PDB file of N, CA and C in Angstrom:
ATOM      1  N   MET A   1      70.786 107.703 123.524  1.00  0.00           N
ATOM      2  CA  MET A   1      71.667 106.696 123.081  1.00  0.00           C
ATOM      3  C   MET A   1      71.031 105.422 123.213  1.00  0.00           C
ATOM      4  N   THR A   2      71.411 104.357 122.599  1.00  0.00           N
ATOM      5  CA  THR A   2      71.085 102.959 122.622  1.00  0.00           C
ATOM      6  C   THR A   2      71.801 102.270 123.574  1.00  0.00           C
ATOM      7  N   GLU A   3      71.405 101.120 123.977  1.00  0.00           N
ATOM      8  CA  GLU A   3      71.914 100.209 124.904  1.00  0.00           C
ATOM      9  C   GLU A   3      73.101  99.752 124.351  1.00  0.00           C
ATOM     10  N   PRO A   4      74.403  99.563 125.419  1.00  0.00           N
ATOM     11  CA  PRO A   4      75.634  98.946 124.892  1.00  0.00           C
ATOM     12  C   PRO A   4      75.530  97.846 123.917  1.00  0.00           C
ATOM     13  N   SER A   5      74.844  96.642 124.412  1.00  0.00           N
ATOM     14  CA  SER A   5      74.712  95.276 123.646  1.00  0.00           C
ATOM     15  C   SER A   5      73.975  95.676 122.485  1.00  0.00           C
ATOM     16  N   ASN A   6      72.979  96.427 122.234  1.00  0.00           N
ATOM     17  CA  ASN A   6      72.412  96.887 120.771  1.00  0.00           C
ATOM     18  C   ASN A   6      73.517  97.702 120.094  1.00  0.00           C
ATOM     19  N   SER A   7      74.288  98.417 120.593  1.00  0.00           N
ATOM     20  CA  SER A   7      75.283  99.506 119.776  1.00  0.00           C
ATOM     21  C   SER A   7      76.350  98.432 119.430  1.00  0.00           C
ATOM     22  N   TRP A   8      76.779  97.356 120.035  1.00  0.00           N
ATOM     23  CA  TRP A   8      77.922  96.415 119.602  1.00  0.00           C
ATOM     24  C   TRP A   8      77.189  95.608 118.566  1.00  0.00           C
ATOM     25  N   ALA A   9      75.883  95.212 118.603  1.00  0.00           N
ATOM     26  CA  ALA A   9      75.326  94.395 117.700  1.00  0.00           C
ATOM     27  C   ALA A   9      75.317  95.296 116.318  1.00  0.00           C
ATOM     28  N   GLN A  10      75.067  96.521 116.561  1.00  0.00           N
ATOM     29  CA  GLN A  10      75.039  97.258 115.311  1.00  0.00           C
ATOM     30  C   GLN A  10      76.299  97.490 114.680  1.00  0.00           C
ATOM     31  N   VAL A  11      77.331  97.725 115.606  1.00  0.00           N
ATOM     32  CA  VAL A  11      78.901  97.899 115.154  1.00  0.00           C
ATOM     33  C   VAL A  11      78.974  96.657 114.544  1.00  0.00           C
ATOM     34  N   ARG A  12      78.862  95.571 115.033  1.00  0.00           N
ATOM     35  CA  ARG A  12      79.166  94.091 114.365  1.00  0.00           C
ATOM     36  C   ARG A  12      78.743  94.086 112.857  1.00  0.00           C
ATOM     37  N   GLU A  13      77.321  94.450 112.715  1.00  0.00           N
ATOM     38  CA  GLU A  13      76.654  94.184 111.464  1.00  0.00           C
ATOM     39  C   GLU A  13      77.194  95.045 110.548  1.00  0.00           C
ATOM     40  N   LEU A  14      77.157  96.549 110.910  1.00  0.00           N
ATOM     41  CA  LEU A  14      77.610  97.418 110.029  1.00  0.00           C
ATOM     42  C   LEU A  14      79.230  96.971 109.375  1.00  0.00           C
ATOM     43  N   TYR A  15      80.142  96.803 110.462  1.00  0.00           N
ATOM     44  CA  TYR A  15      81.253  96.477 110.242  1.00  0.00           C
ATOM     45  C   TYR A  15      81.519  95.408 109.058  1.00  0.00           C
ATOM     46  N   ALA A  16      80.701  94.260 109.388  1.00  0.00           N
ATOM     47  CA  ALA A  16      80.801  93.122 108.421  1.00  0.00           C
ATOM     48  C   ALA A  16      80.081  93.641 106.918  1.00  0.00           C
ATOM     49  N   GLN A  17      79.226  94.573 107.027  1.00  0.00           N
ATOM     50  CA  GLN A  17      78.651  94.990 105.640  1.00  0.00           C
ATOM     51  C   GLN A  17      79.608  95.876 104.753  1.00  0.00           C
ATOM     52  N   ALA A  18      80.445  96.825 105.785  1.00  0.00           N
ATOM     53  CA  ALA A  18      81.310  97.762 105.122  1.00  0.00           C
ATOM     54  C   ALA A  18      82.378  96.836 104.469  1.00  0.00           C
ATOM     55  N   ARG A  19      83.001  95.892 105.278  1.00  0.00           N
ATOM     56  CA  ARG A  19      84.014  95.106 104.729  1.00  0.00           C
ATOM     57  C   ARG A  19      83.893  94.445 103.398  1.00  0.00           C
ATOM     58  N   GLN A  20      82.546  94.381 102.930  1.00  0.00           N
ATOM     59  CA  GLN A  20      82.070  93.591 101.750  1.00  0.00           C
ATOM     60  C   GLN A  20      82.015  94.844 100.630  1.00  0.00           C
ATOM     61  N   GLN A  21      82.073  96.196 101.120  1.00  0.00           N
ATOM     62  CA  GLN A  21      82.165  97.357  99.994  1.00  0.00           C
ATOM     63  C   GLN A  21      83.715  97.318  99.530  1.00  0.00           C
ATOM     64  N   ALA A  22      83.611  98.027  98.539  1.00  0.00           N
ATOM     65  CA  ALA A  22      85.111  98.419  98.012  1.00  0.00           C
ATOM     66  C   ALA A  22      85.494  99.511  99.018  1.00  0.00           C
ATOM     67  N   ALA A  23      86.971  99.536  99.241  1.00  0.00           N
ATOM     68  CA  ALA A  23      87.723 100.367 100.094  1.00  0.00           C
ATOM     69  C   ALA A  23      87.230 101.725  99.845  1.00  0.00           C
ATOM     70  N   GLU A  24      87.553 102.250  98.432  1.00  0.00           N
ATOM     71  CA  GLU A  24      87.007 103.627  98.308  1.00  0.00           C
ATOM     72  C   GLU A  24      85.696 103.999  98.362  1.00  0.00           C
ATOM     73  N   GLN A  25      84.758 103.110  98.531  1.00  0.00           N
ATOM     74  CA  GLN A  25      83.100 103.298  98.542  1.00  0.00           C
ATOM     75  C   GLN A  25      82.636 103.275 100.052  1.00  0.00           C
ATOM     76  N   ARG A  26      83.607 102.806 100.915  1.00  0.00           N
ATOM     77  CA  ARG A  26      83.057 102.548 102.345  1.00  0.00           C
ATOM     78  C   ARG A  26      82.502 103.717 102.999  1.00  0.00           C
ATOM     79  N   GLU A  27      83.300 104.833 103.045  1.00  0.00           N
ATOM     80  CA  GLU A  27      82.931 106.097 103.754  1.00  0.00           C
ATOM     81  C   GLU A  27      81.478 106.332 103.035  1.00  0.00           C
ATOM     82  N   THR A  28      81.304 106.624 101.894  1.00  0.00           N
ATOM     83  CA  THR A  28      80.212 107.049 101.261  1.00  0.00           C
ATOM     84  C   THR A  28      79.064 106.023 101.602  1.00  0.00           C
ATOM     85  N   TRP A  29      79.151 104.745 101.813  1.00  0.00           N
ATOM     86  CA  TRP A  29      78.386 103.859 102.330  1.00  0.00           C
ATOM     87  C   TRP A  29      78.010 103.984 103.716  1.00  0.00           C
ATOM     88  N   LEU A  30      78.854 104.289 104.524  1.00  0.00           N
ATOM     89  CA  LEU A  30      78.589 104.268 106.113  1.00  0.00           C
ATOM     90  C   LEU A  30      77.976 105.612 106.155  1.00  0.00           C
ATOM     91  N   GLN A  31      78.031 106.784 105.639  1.00  0.00           N
ATOM     92  CA  GLN A  31      77.420 107.864 105.641  1.00  0.00           C
ATOM     93  C   GLN A  31      75.840 107.849 105.196  1.00  0.00           C
ATOM     94  N   ALA A  32      75.629 106.503 104.401  1.00  0.00           N
ATOM     95  CA  ALA A  32      74.262 106.740 104.130  1.00  0.00           C
ATOM     96  C   ALA A  32      73.533 105.704 105.172  1.00  0.00           C
ATOM     97  N   GLN A  33      74.064 105.029 106.154  1.00  0.00           N
ATOM     98  CA  GLN A  33      73.549 104.207 107.130  1.00  0.00           C
ATOM     99  C   GLN A  33      72.779 104.758 108.273  1.00  0.00           C
ATOM    100  N   ARG A  34      71.978 104.409 108.722  1.00  0.00           N
ATOM    101  CA  ARG A  34      71.209 104.928 109.832  1.00  0.00           C
ATOM    102  C   ARG A  34      71.731 104.454 111.208  1.00  0.00           C
ATOM    103  N   ALA A  35      72.736 105.138 111.828  1.00  0.00           N
ATOM    104  CA  ALA A  35      73.564 104.800 112.951  1.00  0.00           C
ATOM    105  C   ALA A  35      73.990 106.163 113.832  1.00  0.00           C
ATOM    106  N   SER A  36      74.156 105.919 114.826  1.00  0.00           N
ATOM    107  CA  SER A  36      74.578 107.059 115.723  1.00  0.00           C
ATOM    108  C   SER A  36      76.152 107.537 115.339  1.00  0.00           C
ATOM    109  N   PRO A  37      76.323 108.765 115.478  1.00  0.00           N
ATOM    110  CA  PRO A  37      77.882 109.009 115.179  1.00  0.00           C
ATOM    111  C   PRO A  37      78.699 108.187 116.019  1.00  0.00           C
ATOM    112  N   GLU A  38      78.327 107.662 117.356  1.00  0.00           N
ATOM    113  CA  GLU A  38      79.338 106.849 117.881  1.00  0.00           C
ATOM    114  C   GLU A  38      79.647 105.480 117.393  1.00  0.00           C
ATOM    115  N   VAL A  39      78.580 104.906 117.046  1.00  0.00           N
ATOM    116  CA  VAL A  39      78.399 103.487 116.197  1.00  0.00           C
ATOM    117  C   VAL A  39      79.260 103.526 114.933  1.00  0.00           C
ATOM    118  N   LEU A  40      78.933 104.929 114.251  1.00  0.00           N
ATOM    119  CA  LEU A  40      79.584 104.922 112.931  1.00  0.00           C
ATOM    120  C   LEU A  40      81.380 105.179 113.284  1.00  0.00           C
ATOM    121  N   ASP A  41      81.870 105.830 114.402  1.00  0.00           N
ATOM    122  CA  ASP A  41      83.020 106.229 114.653  1.00  0.00           C
ATOM    123  C   ASP A  41      83.917 104.991 114.984  1.00  0.00           C
ATOM    124  N   GLU A  42      83.092 103.829 115.709  1.00  0.00           N
ATOM    125  CA  GLU A  42      83.445 102.741 115.983  1.00  0.00           C
ATOM    126  C   GLU A  42      83.690 102.000 114.896  1.00  0.00           C
ATOM    127  N   VAL A  43      82.880 101.759 113.856  1.00  0.00           N
ATOM    128  CA  VAL A  43      82.970 101.046 112.763  1.00  0.00           C
ATOM    129  C   VAL A  43      84.155 101.418 112.094  1.00  0.00           C
ATOM    130  N   ARG A  44      84.522 102.906 111.926  1.00  0.00           N
ATOM    131  CA  ARG A  44      85.523 103.565 111.092  1.00  0.00           C
ATOM    132  C   ARG A  44      86.733 103.121 111.857  1.00  0.00           C
ATOM    133  N   SER A  45      86.771 102.964 112.851  1.00  0.00           N
ATOM    134  CA  SER A  45      88.123 102.698 113.857  1.00  0.00           C
ATOM    135  C   SER A  45      88.359 101.248 113.702  1.00  0.00           C
ATOM    136  N   LEU A  46      87.418 100.361 113.608  1.00  0.00           N
ATOM    137  CA  LEU A  46      87.774  99.005 113.310  1.00  0.00           C
ATOM    138  C   LEU A  46      88.075  98.936 111.945  1.00  0.00           C
ATOM    139  N   LEU A  47      87.578  99.377 110.973  1.00  0.00           N
ATOM    140  CA  LEU A  47      88.060  99.447 109.587  1.00  0.00           C
ATOM    141  C   LEU A  47      89.568  99.837 109.416  1.00  0.00           C
ATOM    142  N   ALA A  48      89.703 100.822 110.099  1.00  0.00           N
ATOM    143  CA  ALA A  48      91.303 101.473 109.897  1.00  0.00           C
ATOM    144  C   ALA A  48      92.241 100.629 110.593  1.00  0.00           C
ATOM    145  N   HIS A  49      91.762  99.874 111.595  1.00  0.00           N
ATOM    146  CA  HIS A  49      92.877  99.054 112.273  1.00  0.00           C
ATOM    147  C   HIS A  49      92.809  97.559 111.748  1.00  0.00           C
ATOM    148  N   ALA A  50      91.860  97.187 110.891  1.00  0.00           N
ATOM    149  CA  ALA A  50      91.774  95.799 110.255  1.00  0.00           C
ATOM    150  C   ALA A  50      92.909  95.673 109.130  1.00  0.00           C
ATOM    151  N   PRO A  51      93.696  94.811 109.573  1.00  0.00           N
ATOM    152  CA  PRO A  51      94.671  94.393 108.493  1.00  0.00           C
ATOM    153  C   PRO A  51      93.938  93.622 107.412  1.00  0.00           C
ATOM    154  N   PRO A  52      94.845  93.576 106.295  1.00  0.00           N
ATOM    155  CA  PRO A  52      94.218  92.899 105.107  1.00  0.00           C
ATOM    156  C   PRO A  52      94.109  91.493 105.492  1.00  0.00           C
ATOM    157  N   GLY A  53      92.977  90.741 105.024  1.00  0.00           N
ATOM    158  CA  GLY A  53      92.623  89.511 105.221  1.00  0.00           C
ATOM    159  C   GLY A  53      92.355  89.084 106.954  1.00  0.00           C
ATOM    160  N   SER A  54      91.966  90.250 107.298  1.00  0.00           N
ATOM    161  CA  SER A  54      91.565  89.979 108.779  1.00  0.00           C
ATOM    162  C   SER A  54      90.121  89.642 108.938  1.00  0.00           C
ATOM    163  N   ALA A  55      89.623  89.100 110.082  1.00  0.00           N
ATOM    164  CA  ALA A  55      88.322  88.654 110.325  1.00  0.00           C
ATOM    165  C   ALA A  55      87.049  89.599 109.662  1.00  0.00           C
ATOM    166  N   ASP A  56      86.294  88.936 108.894  1.00  0.00           N
ATOM    167  CA  ASP A  56      84.966  89.856 108.640  1.00  0.00           C
ATOM    168  C   ASP A  56      83.776  88.424 108.651  1.00  0.00           C
ATOM    169  N   GLU A  57      82.811  88.697 108.301  1.00  0.00           N
ATOM    170  CA  GLU A  57      81.620  87.847 108.383  1.00  0.00           C
ATOM    171  C   GLU A  57      81.573  86.730 107.165  1.00  0.00           C
ATOM    172  N   THR A  58      82.576  86.896 106.342  1.00  0.00           N
ATOM    173  CA  THR A  58      82.730  85.918 105.311  1.00  0.00           C
ATOM    174  C   THR A  58      83.644  84.990 105.519  1.00  0.00           C
ATOM    175  N   GLY A  59      83.987  84.604 106.763  1.00  0.00           N
ATOM    176  CA  GLY A  59      84.822  83.479 107.144  1.00  0.00           C
ATOM    177  C   GLY A  59      86.373  83.690 106.848  1.00  0.00           C
ATOM    178  N   ASP A  60      86.897  84.811 106.761  1.00  0.00           N
ATOM    179  CA  ASP A  60      88.334  84.988 106.666  1.00  0.00           C
ATOM    180  C   ASP A  60      88.883  84.716 107.935  1.00  0.00           C
ATOM    181  N   PRO A  61      90.163  84.295 108.212  1.00  0.00           N
ATOM    182  CA  PRO A  61      90.867  84.155 109.217  1.00  0.00           C
ATOM    183  C   PRO A  61      91.246  85.215 110.010  1.00  0.00           C
ATOM    184  N   PHE A  62      91.055  85.493 111.438  1.00  0.00           N
ATOM    185  CA  PHE A  62      91.420  86.804 112.082  1.00  0.00           C
ATOM    186  C   PHE A  62      92.740  87.254 111.782  1.00  0.00           C
ATOM    187  N   LEU A  63      93.653  86.838 112.140  1.00  0.00           N
ATOM    188  CA  LEU A  63      94.925  87.219 111.863  1.00  0.00           C
ATOM    189  C   LEU A  63      95.761  86.222 110.980  1.00  0.00           C
ATOM    190  N   THR A  64      96.022  86.821 109.851  1.00  0.00           N
ATOM    191  CA  THR A  64      96.775  85.881 108.825  1.00  0.00           C
ATOM    192  C   THR A  64      97.792  86.793 108.466  1.00  0.00           C
ATOM    193  N   PRO A  65      99.316  86.254 108.687  1.00  0.00           N
ATOM    194  CA  PRO A  65      99.602  85.345 109.525  1.00  0.00           C
ATOM    195  C   PRO A  65      99.265  85.867 111.249  1.00  0.00           C
ATOM    196  N   PRO A  66      99.400  84.802 112.028  1.00  0.00           N
ATOM    197  CA  PRO A  66      98.966  85.270 113.473  1.00  0.00           C
ATOM    198  C   PRO A  66     100.056  86.216 113.980  1.00  0.00           C
ATOM    199  N   ALA A  67      99.667  87.095 114.689  1.00  0.00           N
ATOM    200  CA  ALA A  67     100.536  88.066 115.343  1.00  0.00           C
ATOM    201  C   ALA A  67     101.804  87.674 116.083  1.00  0.00           C
ATOM    202  N   ALA A  68     101.581  86.471 116.869  1.00  0.00           N
ATOM    203  CA  ALA A  68     102.671  86.088 117.713  1.00  0.00           C
ATOM    204  C   ALA A  68     102.485  84.380 117.353  1.00  0.00           C
ATOM    205  N   PRO A  69     103.424  83.725 116.574  1.00  0.00           N
ATOM    206  CA  PRO A  69     103.133  82.391 116.338  1.00  0.00           C
ATOM    207  C   PRO A  69     103.421  81.588 117.478  1.00  0.00           C
ATOM    208  N   TRP A  70     102.534  80.468 117.840  1.00  0.00           N
ATOM    209  CA  TRP A  70     102.896  79.631 119.077  1.00  0.00           C
ATOM    210  C   TRP A  70     103.876  78.620 118.516  1.00  0.00           C
ATOM    211  N   GLU A  71     104.771  78.505 119.542  1.00  0.00           N
ATOM    212  CA  GLU A  71     105.834  77.551 119.048  1.00  0.00           C
ATOM    213  C   GLU A  71     106.435  76.976 120.432  1.00  0.00           C
ATOM    214  N   ASP A  72     106.081  75.787 120.577  1.00  0.00           N
ATOM    215  CA  ASP A  72     106.409  75.204 121.827  1.00  0.00           C
ATOM    216  C   ASP A  72     107.440  73.865 121.350  1.00  0.00           C
ATOM    217  N   THR A  73     108.372  74.261 120.918  1.00  0.00           N
ATOM    218  CA  THR A  73     109.501  73.509 120.404  1.00  0.00           C
ATOM    219  C   THR A  73     109.850  72.142 121.196  1.00  0.00           C
ATOM    220  N   ASP A  74     109.940  72.489 122.467  1.00  0.00           N
ATOM    221  CA  ASP A  74     110.275  71.105 123.190  1.00  0.00           C
ATOM    222  C   ASP A  74     109.428  70.553 124.042  1.00  0.00           C
ATOM    223  N   GLY A  75     108.404  71.334 124.292  1.00  0.00           N
ATOM    224  CA  GLY A  75     107.073  70.878 124.840  1.00  0.00           C
ATOM    225  C   GLY A  75     107.227  70.500 126.342  1.00  0.00           C
ATOM    226  N   ASP A  76     108.467  70.987 126.904  1.00  0.00           N
ATOM    227  CA  ASP A  76     108.677  70.589 128.119  1.00  0.00           C
ATOM    228  C   ASP A  76     108.045  71.642 129.129  1.00  0.00           C
ATOM    229  N   ARG A  77     107.471  72.880 128.603  1.00  0.00           N
ATOM    230  CA  ARG A  77     107.165  74.084 129.394  1.00  0.00           C
ATOM    231  C   ARG A  77     105.649  73.930 129.538  1.00  0.00           C
ATOM    232  N   LEU A  78     104.959  72.867 128.906  1.00  0.00           N
ATOM    233  CA  LEU A  78     103.650  72.904 128.863  1.00  0.00           C
ATOM    234  C   LEU A  78     103.155  72.585 130.351  1.00  0.00           C
ATOM    235  N   GLY A  79     102.184  73.558 130.853  1.00  0.00           N
ATOM    236  CA  GLY A  79     101.615  73.178 132.482  1.00  0.00           C
ATOM    237  C   GLY A  79     102.486  73.865 133.677  1.00  0.00           C
ATOM    238  N   GLN A  80     103.584  74.282 133.118  1.00  0.00           N
ATOM    239  CA  GLN A  80     104.576  74.814 134.181  1.00  0.00           C
ATOM    240  C   GLN A  80     104.088  76.114 134.606  1.00  0.00           C
ATOM    241  N   ARG A  81     104.543  76.486 135.527  1.00  0.00           N
ATOM    242  CA  ARG A  81     104.384  77.651 136.231  1.00  0.00           C
ATOM    243  C   ARG A  81     105.270  78.906 135.871  1.00  0.00           C
ATOM    244  N   LEU A  82     104.793  80.033 135.517  1.00  0.00           N
ATOM    245  CA  LEU A  82     105.778  81.201 135.218  1.00  0.00           C
ATOM    246  C   LEU A  82     105.749  82.067 136.177  1.00  0.00           C
ATOM    247  N   GLY A  83     107.061  82.276 136.988  1.00  0.00           N
ATOM    248  CA  GLY A  83     107.099  83.041 137.991  1.00  0.00           C
ATOM    249  C   GLY A  83     106.097  82.878 139.174  1.00  0.00           C
ATOM    250  N   ASP A  84     105.478  83.805 139.551  1.00  0.00           N
ATOM    251  CA  ASP A  84     104.476  83.874 140.773  1.00  0.00           C
ATOM    252  C   ASP A  84     102.855  83.236 140.060  1.00  0.00           C
ATOM    253  N   TRP A  85     102.777  83.090 138.734  1.00  0.00           N
ATOM    254  CA  TRP A  85     101.623  83.085 138.460  1.00  0.00           C
ATOM    255  C   TRP A  85     101.281  81.489 138.178  1.00  0.00           C
TER     256      TRP A  85
END
């Protein structure tokens, strides 16, 4: 098996390339790639969980819209401690 850092680099590269394929052609494209089954499974998992408009290597924003928007309406809590933290 390849080293973890090499595997993640390969996952990142394949994921970016797969996102450029038409959705209906991705599986065929993935099967044609020279990668370990573990790497391909990870790419498939990322593709399955990627919402439309999510991050890819083309510069699309990561989460559009954000999963939890930041709203500091009064500004009074900035820098304050929350409980024991």
